[in-house]
Amino acid sequence: MSKEILQLENTNANDFKNEIVKDVTNALKGYAETLQNPEIDKLLTRQETCEMLSISLVTLWDWTKKDLLPAYKIGNKVRYKKQEILLALQQMNKFSS
């Protein structure tokens, strides 16, 4: 077992504590939003994803192959996370403007 040493410079204990509290609070807010909206982490089939995006299965396959949409293999099935699809759409729109 090795020890790791953390050395902080130019900060006091109170500032350090406040930064930790701020980061933990932000992480918990994100988790709370997920709990309030369980649909956001829903796994979608390829067909459901195509319907949501109004694209064909060929286009979905192409976007997945190009890493525009992250896909998850569960056994021999492919699934997409709804939240990641929405984020990918935002990224695609950002590039085109």
PDB file of N, CA and C in Angstrom:
ATOM      1  N   MET A   1       0.849  -1.182   0.000  1.00  0.00           N
ATOM      2  CA  MET A   1       0.000   0.000   0.000  1.00  0.00           C
ATOM      3  C   MET A   1       0.893   1.243   0.000  1.00  0.00           C
ATOM      4  N   SER A   2       0.667   2.118  -0.960  1.00  0.00           N
ATOM      5  CA  SER A   2       1.474   3.336  -1.019  1.00  0.00           C
ATOM      6  C   SER A   2       0.655   4.527  -0.539  1.00  0.00           C
ATOM      7  N   LYS A   3       1.354   5.482  -0.005  1.00  0.00           N
ATOM      8  CA  LYS A   3       0.708   6.704   0.474  1.00  0.00           C
ATOM      9  C   LYS A   3       0.840   7.784  -0.590  1.00  0.00           C
ATOM     10  N   GLU A   4      -0.201   8.554  -0.729  1.00  0.00           N
ATOM     11  CA  GLU A   4      -0.152   9.697  -1.620  1.00  0.00           C
ATOM     12  C   GLU A   4      -0.128  10.956  -0.781  1.00  0.00           C
ATOM     13  N   ILE A   5       0.685  11.888  -1.175  1.00  0.00           N
ATOM     14  CA  ILE A   5       0.818  13.133  -0.428  1.00  0.00           C
ATOM     15  C   ILE A   5       0.187  14.245  -1.246  1.00  0.00           C
ATOM     16  N   LEU A   6      -0.652  15.011  -0.601  1.00  0.00           N
ATOM     17  CA  LEU A   6      -1.297  16.160  -1.227  1.00  0.00           C
ATOM     18  C   LEU A   6      -0.733  17.406  -0.580  1.00  0.00           C
ATOM     19  N   GLN A   7      -0.144  18.265  -1.375  1.00  0.00           N
ATOM     20  CA  GLN A   7       0.446  19.480  -0.856  1.00  0.00           C
ATOM     21  C   GLN A   7      -0.290  20.673  -1.450  1.00  0.00           C
ATOM     22  N   LEU A   8      -0.784  21.511  -0.588  1.00  0.00           N
ATOM     23  CA  LEU A   8      -1.514  22.701  -1.022  1.00  0.00           C
ATOM     24  C   LEU A   8      -0.703  23.939  -0.694  1.00  0.00           C
ATOM     25  N   GLU A   9      -0.664  24.831  -1.652  1.00  0.00           N
ATOM     26  CA  GLU A   9       0.053  26.077  -1.437  1.00  0.00           C
ATOM     27  C   GLU A   9      -0.869  27.252  -1.737  1.00  0.00           C
ATOM     28  N   ASN A  10      -0.643  28.334  -1.089  1.00  0.00           N
ATOM     29  CA  ASN A  10      -1.382  29.576  -1.308  1.00  0.00           C
ATOM     30  C   ASN A  10      -2.882  29.436  -1.082  1.00  0.00           C
ATOM     31  N   THR A  11      -3.269  28.649  -0.125  1.00  0.00           N
ATOM     32  CA  THR A  11      -4.673  28.533   0.244  1.00  0.00           C
ATOM     33  C   THR A  11      -4.757  28.247   1.737  1.00  0.00           C
ATOM     34  N   ASN A  12      -5.845  28.669   2.320  1.00  0.00           N
ATOM     35  CA  ASN A  12      -6.019  28.361   3.742  1.00  0.00           C
ATOM     36  C   ASN A  12      -7.074  27.265   3.881  1.00  0.00           C
ATOM     37  N   ALA A  13      -7.184  26.736   5.076  1.00  0.00           N
ATOM     38  CA  ALA A  13      -8.084  25.601   5.320  1.00  0.00           C
ATOM     39  C   ALA A  13      -9.533  25.958   5.003  1.00  0.00           C
ATOM     40  N   ASN A  14      -9.950  27.161   5.328  1.00  0.00           N
ATOM     41  CA  ASN A  14     -11.335  27.570   5.097  1.00  0.00           C
ATOM     42  C   ASN A  14     -11.654  27.641   3.597  1.00  0.00           C
ATOM     43  N   ASP A  15     -10.753  28.219   2.809  1.00  0.00           N
ATOM     44  CA  ASP A  15     -10.958  28.290   1.366  1.00  0.00           C
ATOM     45  C   ASP A  15     -11.004  26.882   0.750  1.00  0.00           C
ATOM     46  N   PHE A  16     -10.117  26.024   1.226  1.00  0.00           N
ATOM     47  CA  PHE A  16     -10.075  24.647   0.744  1.00  0.00           C
ATOM     48  C   PHE A  16     -11.389  23.932   1.058  1.00  0.00           C
ATOM     49  N   LYS A  17     -11.869  24.116   2.279  1.00  0.00           N
ATOM     50  CA  LYS A  17     -13.134  23.499   2.696  1.00  0.00           C
ATOM     51  C   LYS A  17     -14.277  24.014   1.834  1.00  0.00           C
ATOM     52  N   ASN A  18     -14.311  25.311   1.577  1.00  0.00           N
ATOM     53  CA  ASN A  18     -15.381  25.900   0.769  1.00  0.00           C
ATOM     54  C   ASN A  18     -15.382  25.350  -0.657  1.00  0.00           C
ATOM     55  N   GLU A  19     -14.207  25.131  -1.232  1.00  0.00           N
ATOM     56  CA  GLU A  19     -14.118  24.556  -2.574  1.00  0.00           C
ATOM     57  C   GLU A  19     -14.659  23.135  -2.589  1.00  0.00           C
ATOM     58  N   ILE A  20     -14.326  22.354  -1.589  1.00  0.00           N
ATOM     59  CA  ILE A  20     -14.816  20.977  -1.507  1.00  0.00           C
ATOM     60  C   ILE A  20     -16.334  20.974  -1.358  1.00  0.00           C
ATOM     61  N   VAL A  21     -16.847  21.815  -0.472  1.00  0.00           N
ATOM     62  CA  VAL A  21     -18.295  21.883  -0.255  1.00  0.00           C
ATOM     63  C   VAL A  21     -19.004  22.301  -1.537  1.00  0.00           C
ATOM     64  N   LYS A  22     -18.450  23.266  -2.259  1.00  0.00           N
ATOM     65  CA  LYS A  22     -19.056  23.735  -3.508  1.00  0.00           C
ATOM     66  C   LYS A  22     -19.114  22.605  -4.542  1.00  0.00           C
ATOM     67  N   ASP A  23     -18.022  21.859  -4.703  1.00  0.00           N
ATOM     68  CA  ASP A  23     -17.996  20.774  -5.673  1.00  0.00           C
ATOM     69  C   ASP A  23     -18.943  19.641  -5.290  1.00  0.00           C
ATOM     70  N   VAL A  24     -19.002  19.301  -4.023  1.00  0.00           N
ATOM     71  CA  VAL A  24     -19.911  18.246  -3.574  1.00  0.00           C
ATOM     72  C   VAL A  24     -21.360  18.685  -3.770  1.00  0.00           C
ATOM     73  N   THR A  25     -21.659  19.937  -3.471  1.00  0.00           N
ATOM     74  CA  THR A  25     -23.012  20.477  -3.652  1.00  0.00           C
ATOM     75  C   THR A  25     -23.428  20.405  -5.124  1.00  0.00           C
ATOM     76  N   ASN A  26     -22.528  20.788  -6.020  1.00  0.00           N
ATOM     77  CA  ASN A  26     -22.836  20.729  -7.452  1.00  0.00           C
ATOM     78  C   ASN A  26     -23.079  19.291  -7.910  1.00  0.00           C
ATOM     79  N   ALA A  27     -22.273  18.369  -7.413  1.00  0.00           N
ATOM     80  CA  ALA A  27     -22.459  16.958  -7.775  1.00  0.00           C
ATOM     81  C   ALA A  27     -23.797  16.444  -7.272  1.00  0.00           C
ATOM     82  N   LEU A  28     -24.175  16.825  -6.060  1.00  0.00           N
ATOM     83  CA  LEU A  28     -25.446  16.381  -5.502  1.00  0.00           C
ATOM     84  C   LEU A  28     -26.638  16.999  -6.232  1.00  0.00           C
ATOM     85  N   LYS A  29     -26.499  18.234  -6.687  1.00  0.00           N
ATOM     86  CA  LYS A  29     -27.573  18.870  -7.461  1.00  0.00           C
ATOM     87  C   LYS A  29     -27.819  18.100  -8.750  1.00  0.00           C
ATOM     88  N   GLY A  30     -26.740  17.715  -9.422  1.00  0.00           N
ATOM     89  CA  GLY A  30     -26.879  16.933 -10.651  1.00  0.00           C
ATOM     90  C   GLY A  30     -27.542  15.592 -10.387  1.00  0.00           C
ATOM     91  N   TYR A  31     -27.168  14.963  -9.282  1.00  0.00           N
ATOM     92  CA  TYR A  31     -27.769  13.683  -8.911  1.00  0.00           C
ATOM     93  C   TYR A  31     -29.241  13.860  -8.583  1.00  0.00           C
ATOM     94  N   ALA A  32     -29.583  14.942  -7.890  1.00  0.00           N
ATOM     95  CA  ALA A  32     -30.979  15.212  -7.523  1.00  0.00           C
ATOM     96  C   ALA A  32     -31.829  15.439  -8.776  1.00  0.00           C
ATOM     97  N   GLU A  33     -31.281  16.135  -9.768  1.00  0.00           N
ATOM     98  CA  GLU A  33     -32.015  16.357 -11.014  1.00  0.00           C
ATOM     99  C   GLU A  33     -32.298  15.037 -11.722  1.00  0.00           C
ATOM    100  N   THR A  34     -31.327  14.130 -11.675  1.00  0.00           N
ATOM    101  CA  THR A  34     -31.523  12.810 -12.280  1.00  0.00           C
ATOM    102  C   THR A  34     -32.617  12.046 -11.563  1.00  0.00           C
ATOM    103  N   LEU A  35     -32.645  12.135 -10.243  1.00  0.00           N
ATOM    104  CA  LEU A  35     -33.674  11.439  -9.474  1.00  0.00           C
ATOM    105  C   LEU A  35     -35.063  12.014  -9.745  1.00  0.00           C
ATOM    106  N   GLN A  36     -35.138  13.329  -9.951  1.00  0.00           N
ATOM    107  CA  GLN A  36     -36.424  13.968 -10.198  1.00  0.00           C
ATOM    108  C   GLN A  36     -36.944  13.664 -11.595  1.00  0.00           C
ATOM    109  N   ASN A  37     -36.048  13.352 -12.514  1.00  0.00           N
ATOM    110  CA  ASN A  37     -36.455  13.062 -13.887  1.00  0.00           C
ATOM    111  C   ASN A  37     -35.862  11.717 -14.316  1.00  0.00           C
ATOM    112  N   PRO A  38     -36.494  10.607 -13.926  1.00  0.00           N
ATOM    113  CA  PRO A  38     -35.936   9.292 -14.257  1.00  0.00           C
ATOM    114  C   PRO A  38     -35.900   9.007 -15.754  1.00  0.00           C
ATOM    115  N   GLU A  39     -36.669   9.732 -16.546  1.00  0.00           N
ATOM    116  CA  GLU A  39     -36.678   9.528 -17.996  1.00  0.00           C
ATOM    117  C   GLU A  39     -35.337   9.890 -18.626  1.00  0.00           C
ATOM    118  N   ILE A  40     -34.579  10.771 -17.976  1.00  0.00           N
ATOM    119  CA  ILE A  40     -33.345  11.286 -18.566  1.00  0.00           C
ATOM    120  C   ILE A  40     -32.294  10.186 -18.723  1.00  0.00           C
ATOM    121  N   ASP A  41     -32.280   9.192 -17.826  1.00  0.00           N
ATOM    122  CA  ASP A  41     -31.299   8.111 -17.910  1.00  0.00           C
ATOM    123  C   ASP A  41     -31.855   6.877 -18.599  1.00  0.00           C
ATOM    124  N   LYS A  42     -33.001   7.012 -19.214  1.00  0.00           N
ATOM    125  CA  LYS A  42     -33.652   5.881 -19.866  1.00  0.00           C
ATOM    126  C   LYS A  42     -32.805   5.388 -21.037  1.00  0.00           C
ATOM    127  N   LEU A  43     -32.699   4.070 -21.141  1.00  0.00           N
ATOM    128  CA  LEU A  43     -32.024   3.463 -22.287  1.00  0.00           C
ATOM    129  C   LEU A  43     -33.034   3.258 -23.405  1.00  0.00           C
ATOM    130  N   LEU A  44     -32.663   3.709 -24.590  1.00  0.00           N
ATOM    131  CA  LEU A  44     -33.548   3.607 -25.746  1.00  0.00           C
ATOM    132  C   LEU A  44     -33.032   2.557 -26.719  1.00  0.00           C
ATOM    133  N   THR A  45     -33.951   1.882 -27.370  1.00  0.00           N
ATOM    134  CA  THR A  45     -33.583   0.950 -28.432  1.00  0.00           C
ATOM    135  C   THR A  45     -33.136   1.756 -29.647  1.00  0.00           C
ATOM    136  N   ARG A  46     -32.615   1.061 -30.626  1.00  0.00           N
ATOM    137  CA  ARG A  46     -32.219   1.743 -31.858  1.00  0.00           C
ATOM    138  C   ARG A  46     -33.434   2.365 -32.530  1.00  0.00           C
ATOM    139  N   GLN A  47     -34.536   1.636 -32.549  1.00  0.00           N
ATOM    140  CA  GLN A  47     -35.747   2.147 -33.195  1.00  0.00           C
ATOM    141  C   GLN A  47     -36.268   3.390 -32.462  1.00  0.00           C
ATOM    142  N   GLU A  48     -36.306   3.344 -31.131  1.00  0.00           N
ATOM    143  CA  GLU A  48     -36.767   4.500 -30.351  1.00  0.00           C
ATOM    144  C   GLU A  48     -35.858   5.704 -30.578  1.00  0.00           C
ATOM    145  N   THR A  49     -34.566   5.441 -30.689  1.00  0.00           N
ATOM    146  CA  THR A  49     -33.612   6.522 -30.930  1.00  0.00           C
ATOM    147  C   THR A  49     -33.842   7.141 -32.297  1.00  0.00           C
ATOM    148  N   CYS A  50     -34.061   6.293 -33.295  1.00  0.00           N
ATOM    149  CA  CYS A  50     -34.348   6.796 -34.650  1.00  0.00           C
ATOM    150  C   CYS A  50     -35.613   7.644 -34.668  1.00  0.00           C
ATOM    151  N   GLU A  51     -36.636   7.180 -33.980  1.00  0.00           N
ATOM    152  CA  GLU A  51     -37.889   7.942 -33.929  1.00  0.00           C
ATOM    153  C   GLU A  51     -37.688   9.284 -33.223  1.00  0.00           C
ATOM    154  N   MET A  52     -36.923   9.277 -32.145  1.00  0.00           N
ATOM    155  CA  MET A  52     -36.676  10.507 -31.401  1.00  0.00           C
ATOM    156  C   MET A  52     -35.934  11.532 -32.270  1.00  0.00           C
ATOM    157  N   LEU A  53     -34.994  11.044 -33.080  1.00  0.00           N
ATOM    158  CA  LEU A  53     -34.176  11.933 -33.905  1.00  0.00           C
ATOM    159  C   LEU A  53     -34.734  12.142 -35.310  1.00  0.00           C
ATOM    160  N   SER A  54     -35.771  11.381 -35.651  1.00  0.00           N
ATOM    161  CA  SER A  54     -36.352  11.415 -37.008  1.00  0.00           C
ATOM    162  C   SER A  54     -35.295  11.104 -38.059  1.00  0.00           C
ATOM    163  N   ILE A  55     -34.556  10.021 -37.824  1.00  0.00           N
ATOM    164  CA  ILE A  55     -33.535   9.584 -38.774  1.00  0.00           C
ATOM    165  C   ILE A  55     -33.743   8.101 -39.069  1.00  0.00           C
ATOM    166  N   SER A  56     -33.040   7.611 -40.071  1.00  0.00           N
ATOM    167  CA  SER A  56     -33.133   6.191 -40.422  1.00  0.00           C
ATOM    168  C   SER A  56     -32.136   5.378 -39.585  1.00  0.00           C
ATOM    169  N   LEU A  57     -32.321   4.056 -39.610  1.00  0.00           N
ATOM    170  CA  LEU A  57     -31.382   3.172 -38.922  1.00  0.00           C
ATOM    171  C   LEU A  57     -29.986   3.274 -39.519  1.00  0.00           C
ATOM    172  N   VAL A  58     -29.906   3.511 -40.820  1.00  0.00           N
ATOM    173  CA  VAL A  58     -28.606   3.659 -41.485  1.00  0.00           C
ATOM    174  C   VAL A  58     -27.882   4.896 -40.966  1.00  0.00           C
ATOM    175  N   THR A  59     -28.602   5.997 -40.834  1.00  0.00           N
ATOM    176  CA  THR A  59     -28.008   7.223 -40.310  1.00  0.00           C
ATOM    177  C   THR A  59     -27.579   7.028 -38.862  1.00  0.00           C
ATOM    178  N   LEU A  60     -28.412   6.376 -38.077  1.00  0.00           N
ATOM    179  CA  LEU A  60     -28.057   6.103 -36.683  1.00  0.00           C
ATOM    180  C   LEU A  60     -26.780   5.272 -36.612  1.00  0.00           C
ATOM    181  N   TRP A  61     -26.694   4.239 -37.435  1.00  0.00           N
ATOM    182  CA  TRP A  61     -25.498   3.413 -37.475  1.00  0.00           C
ATOM    183  C   TRP A  61     -24.279   4.245 -37.853  1.00  0.00           C
ATOM    184  N   ASP A  62     -24.432   5.127 -38.842  1.00  0.00           N
ATOM    185  CA  ASP A  62     -23.336   5.990 -39.297  1.00  0.00           C
ATOM    186  C   ASP A  62     -22.888   6.935 -38.184  1.00  0.00           C
ATOM    187  N   TRP A  63     -23.831   7.578 -37.507  1.00  0.00           N
ATOM    188  CA  TRP A  63     -23.495   8.503 -36.421  1.00  0.00           C
ATOM    189  C   TRP A  63     -22.825   7.767 -35.263  1.00  0.00           C
ATOM    190  N   THR A  64     -23.278   6.537 -35.010  1.00  0.00           N
ATOM    191  CA  THR A  64     -22.676   5.746 -33.938  1.00  0.00           C
ATOM    192  C   THR A  64     -21.242   5.372 -34.311  1.00  0.00           C
ATOM    193  N   LYS A  65     -21.057   4.961 -35.560  1.00  0.00           N
ATOM    194  CA  LYS A  65     -19.734   4.583 -36.051  1.00  0.00           C
ATOM    195  C   LYS A  65     -18.763   5.768 -36.001  1.00  0.00           C
ATOM    196  N   LYS A  66     -19.275   6.975 -36.260  1.00  0.00           N
ATOM    197  CA  LYS A  66     -18.445   8.188 -36.236  1.00  0.00           C
ATOM    198  C   LYS A  66     -18.295   8.762 -34.822  1.00  0.00           C
ATOM    199  N   ASP A  67     -18.818   8.066 -33.823  1.00  0.00           N
ATOM    200  CA  ASP A  67     -18.776   8.495 -32.417  1.00  0.00           C
ATOM    201  C   ASP A  67     -19.508   9.812 -32.175  1.00  0.00           C
ATOM    202  N   LEU A  68     -20.514  10.093 -32.983  1.00  0.00           N
ATOM    203  CA  LEU A  68     -21.348  11.265 -32.726  1.00  0.00           C
ATOM    204  C   LEU A  68     -22.384  10.955 -31.645  1.00  0.00           C
ATOM    205  N   LEU A  69     -22.780   9.687 -31.569  1.00  0.00           N
ATOM    206  CA  LEU A  69     -23.716   9.224 -30.541  1.00  0.00           C
ATOM    207  C   LEU A  69     -23.093   8.028 -29.827  1.00  0.00           C
ATOM    208  N   PRO A  70     -22.919   8.117 -28.500  1.00  0.00           N
ATOM    209  CA  PRO A  70     -22.390   6.958 -27.781  1.00  0.00           C
ATOM    210  C   PRO A  70     -23.439   5.867 -27.652  1.00  0.00           C
ATOM    211  N   ALA A  71     -23.035   4.638 -27.904  1.00  0.00           N
ATOM    212  CA  ALA A  71     -23.939   3.489 -27.835  1.00  0.00           C
ATOM    213  C   ALA A  71     -23.405   2.496 -26.804  1.00  0.00           C
ATOM    214  N   TYR A  72     -24.310   1.704 -26.266  1.00  0.00           N
ATOM    215  CA  TYR A  72     -23.969   0.706 -25.256  1.00  0.00           C
ATOM    216  C   TYR A  72     -24.464  -0.646 -25.726  1.00  0.00           C
ATOM    217  N   LYS A  73     -23.572  -1.617 -25.719  1.00  0.00           N
ATOM    218  CA  LYS A  73     -23.958  -2.975 -26.099  1.00  0.00           C
ATOM    219  C   LYS A  73     -24.325  -3.744 -24.853  1.00  0.00           C
ATOM    220  N   ILE A  74     -25.507  -4.313 -24.852  1.00  0.00           N
ATOM    221  CA  ILE A  74     -25.974  -5.165 -23.765  1.00  0.00           C
ATOM    222  C   ILE A  74     -26.294  -6.503 -24.414  1.00  0.00           C
ATOM    223  N   GLY A  75     -25.391  -7.448 -24.229  1.00  0.00           N
ATOM    224  CA  GLY A  75     -25.525  -8.709 -24.950  1.00  0.00           C
ATOM    225  C   GLY A  75     -25.348  -8.435 -26.427  1.00  0.00           C
ATOM    226  N   ASN A  76     -26.329  -8.802 -27.228  1.00  0.00           N
ATOM    227  CA  ASN A  76     -26.259  -8.518 -28.667  1.00  0.00           C
ATOM    228  C   ASN A  76     -27.153  -7.339 -29.047  1.00  0.00           C
ATOM    229  N   LYS A  77     -27.613  -6.593 -28.053  1.00  0.00           N
ATOM    230  CA  LYS A  77     -28.492  -5.441 -28.301  1.00  0.00           C
ATOM    231  C   LYS A  77     -27.722  -4.138 -28.101  1.00  0.00           C
ATOM    232  N   VAL A  78     -28.109  -3.129 -28.852  1.00  0.00           N
ATOM    233  CA  VAL A  78     -27.491  -1.809 -28.758  1.00  0.00           C
ATOM    234  C   VAL A  78     -28.511  -0.856 -28.143  1.00  0.00           C
ATOM    235  N   ARG A  79     -28.065  -0.076 -27.185  1.00  0.00           N
ATOM    236  CA  ARG A  79     -28.942   0.893 -26.517  1.00  0.00           C
ATOM    237  C   ARG A  79     -28.255   2.251 -26.477  1.00  0.00           C
ATOM    238  N   TYR A  80     -29.079   3.287 -26.380  1.00  0.00           N
ATOM    239  CA  TYR A  80     -28.609   4.670 -26.322  1.00  0.00           C
ATOM    240  C   TYR A  80     -29.234   5.345 -25.108  1.00  0.00           C
ATOM    241  N   LYS A  81     -28.445   6.192 -24.425  1.00  0.00           N
ATOM    242  CA  LYS A  81     -28.976   6.936 -23.281  1.00  0.00           C
ATOM    243  C   LYS A  81     -29.619   8.220 -23.791  1.00  0.00           C
ATOM    244  N   LYS A  82     -30.843   8.461 -23.337  1.00  0.00           N
ATOM    245  CA  LYS A  82     -31.607   9.621 -23.799  1.00  0.00           C
ATOM    246  C   LYS A  82     -30.849  10.922 -23.539  1.00  0.00           C
ATOM    247  N   GLN A  83     -30.279  11.054 -22.345  1.00  0.00           N
ATOM    248  CA  GLN A  83     -29.559  12.284 -22.003  1.00  0.00           C
ATOM    249  C   GLN A  83     -28.361  12.502 -22.929  1.00  0.00           C
ATOM    250  N   GLU A  84     -27.654  11.433 -23.251  1.00  0.00           N
ATOM    251  CA  GLU A  84     -26.493  11.564 -24.128  1.00  0.00           C
ATOM    252  C   GLU A  84     -26.895  11.910 -25.560  1.00  0.00           C
ATOM    253  N   ILE A  85     -28.061  11.447 -25.972  1.00  0.00           N
ATOM    254  CA  ILE A  85     -28.566  11.810 -27.296  1.00  0.00           C
ATOM    255  C   ILE A  85     -28.847  13.308 -27.344  1.00  0.00           C
ATOM    256  N   LEU A  86     -29.499  13.819 -26.289  1.00  0.00           N
ATOM    257  CA  LEU A  86     -29.806  15.250 -26.238  1.00  0.00           C
ATOM    258  C   LEU A  86     -28.527  16.089 -26.210  1.00  0.00           C
ATOM    259  N   LEU A  87     -27.524  15.643 -25.455  1.00  0.00           N
ATOM    260  CA  LEU A  87     -26.249  16.363 -25.416  1.00  0.00           C
ATOM    261  C   LEU A  87     -25.546  16.326 -26.772  1.00  0.00           C
ATOM    262  N   ALA A  88     -25.601  15.181 -27.439  1.00  0.00           N
ATOM    263  CA  ALA A  88     -24.982  15.057 -28.759  1.00  0.00           C
ATOM    264  C   ALA A  88     -25.655  15.990 -29.763  1.00  0.00           C
ATOM    265  N   LEU A  89     -26.971  16.112 -29.665  1.00  0.00           N
ATOM    266  CA  LEU A  89     -27.693  17.034 -30.556  1.00  0.00           C
ATOM    267  C   LEU A  89     -27.250  18.470 -30.334  1.00  0.00           C
ATOM    268  N   GLN A  90     -27.066  18.835 -29.072  1.00  0.00           N
ATOM    269  CA  GLN A  90     -26.582  20.192 -28.771  1.00  0.00           C
ATOM    270  C   GLN A  90     -25.200  20.409 -29.380  1.00  0.00           C
ATOM    271  N   GLN A  91     -24.325  19.405 -29.263  1.00  0.00           N
ATOM    272  CA  GLN A  91     -22.986  19.517 -29.844  1.00  0.00           C
ATOM    273  C   GLN A  91     -23.044  19.634 -31.361  1.00  0.00           C
ATOM    274  N   MET A  92     -23.909  18.835 -31.994  1.00  0.00           N
ATOM    275  CA  MET A  92     -24.049  18.895 -33.449  1.00  0.00           C
ATOM    276  C   MET A  92     -24.534  20.279 -33.890  1.00  0.00           C
ATOM    277  N   ASN A  93     -25.477  20.830 -33.154  1.00  0.00           N
ATOM    278  CA  ASN A  93     -26.001  22.154 -33.489  1.00  0.00           C
ATOM    279  C   ASN A  93     -24.967  23.229 -33.238  1.00  0.00           C
ATOM    280  N   LYS A  94     -24.118  23.041 -32.269  1.00  0.00           N
ATOM    281  CA  LYS A  94     -23.077  24.006 -31.962  1.00  0.00           C
ATOM    282  C   LYS A  94     -22.075  24.072 -33.109  1.00  0.00           C
ATOM    283  N   PHE A  95     -21.771  22.916 -33.707  1.00  0.00           N
ATOM    284  CA  PHE A  95     -20.797  22.873 -34.787  1.00  0.00           C
ATOM    285  C   PHE A  95     -21.336  23.514 -36.061  1.00  0.00           C
ATOM    286  N   SER A  96     -22.639  23.406 -36.264  1.00  0.00           N
ATOM    287  CA  SER A  96     -23.213  23.897 -37.509  1.00  0.00           C
ATOM    288  C   SER A  96     -23.502  25.385 -37.496  1.00  0.00           C
ATOM    289  N   SER A  97     -23.464  26.023 -36.331  1.00  0.00           N
ATOM    290  CA  SER A  97     -23.773  27.463 -36.304  1.00  0.00           C
ATOM    291  C   SER A  97     -22.544  28.307 -36.344  1.00  0.00           C
TER     292      SER A  97
END
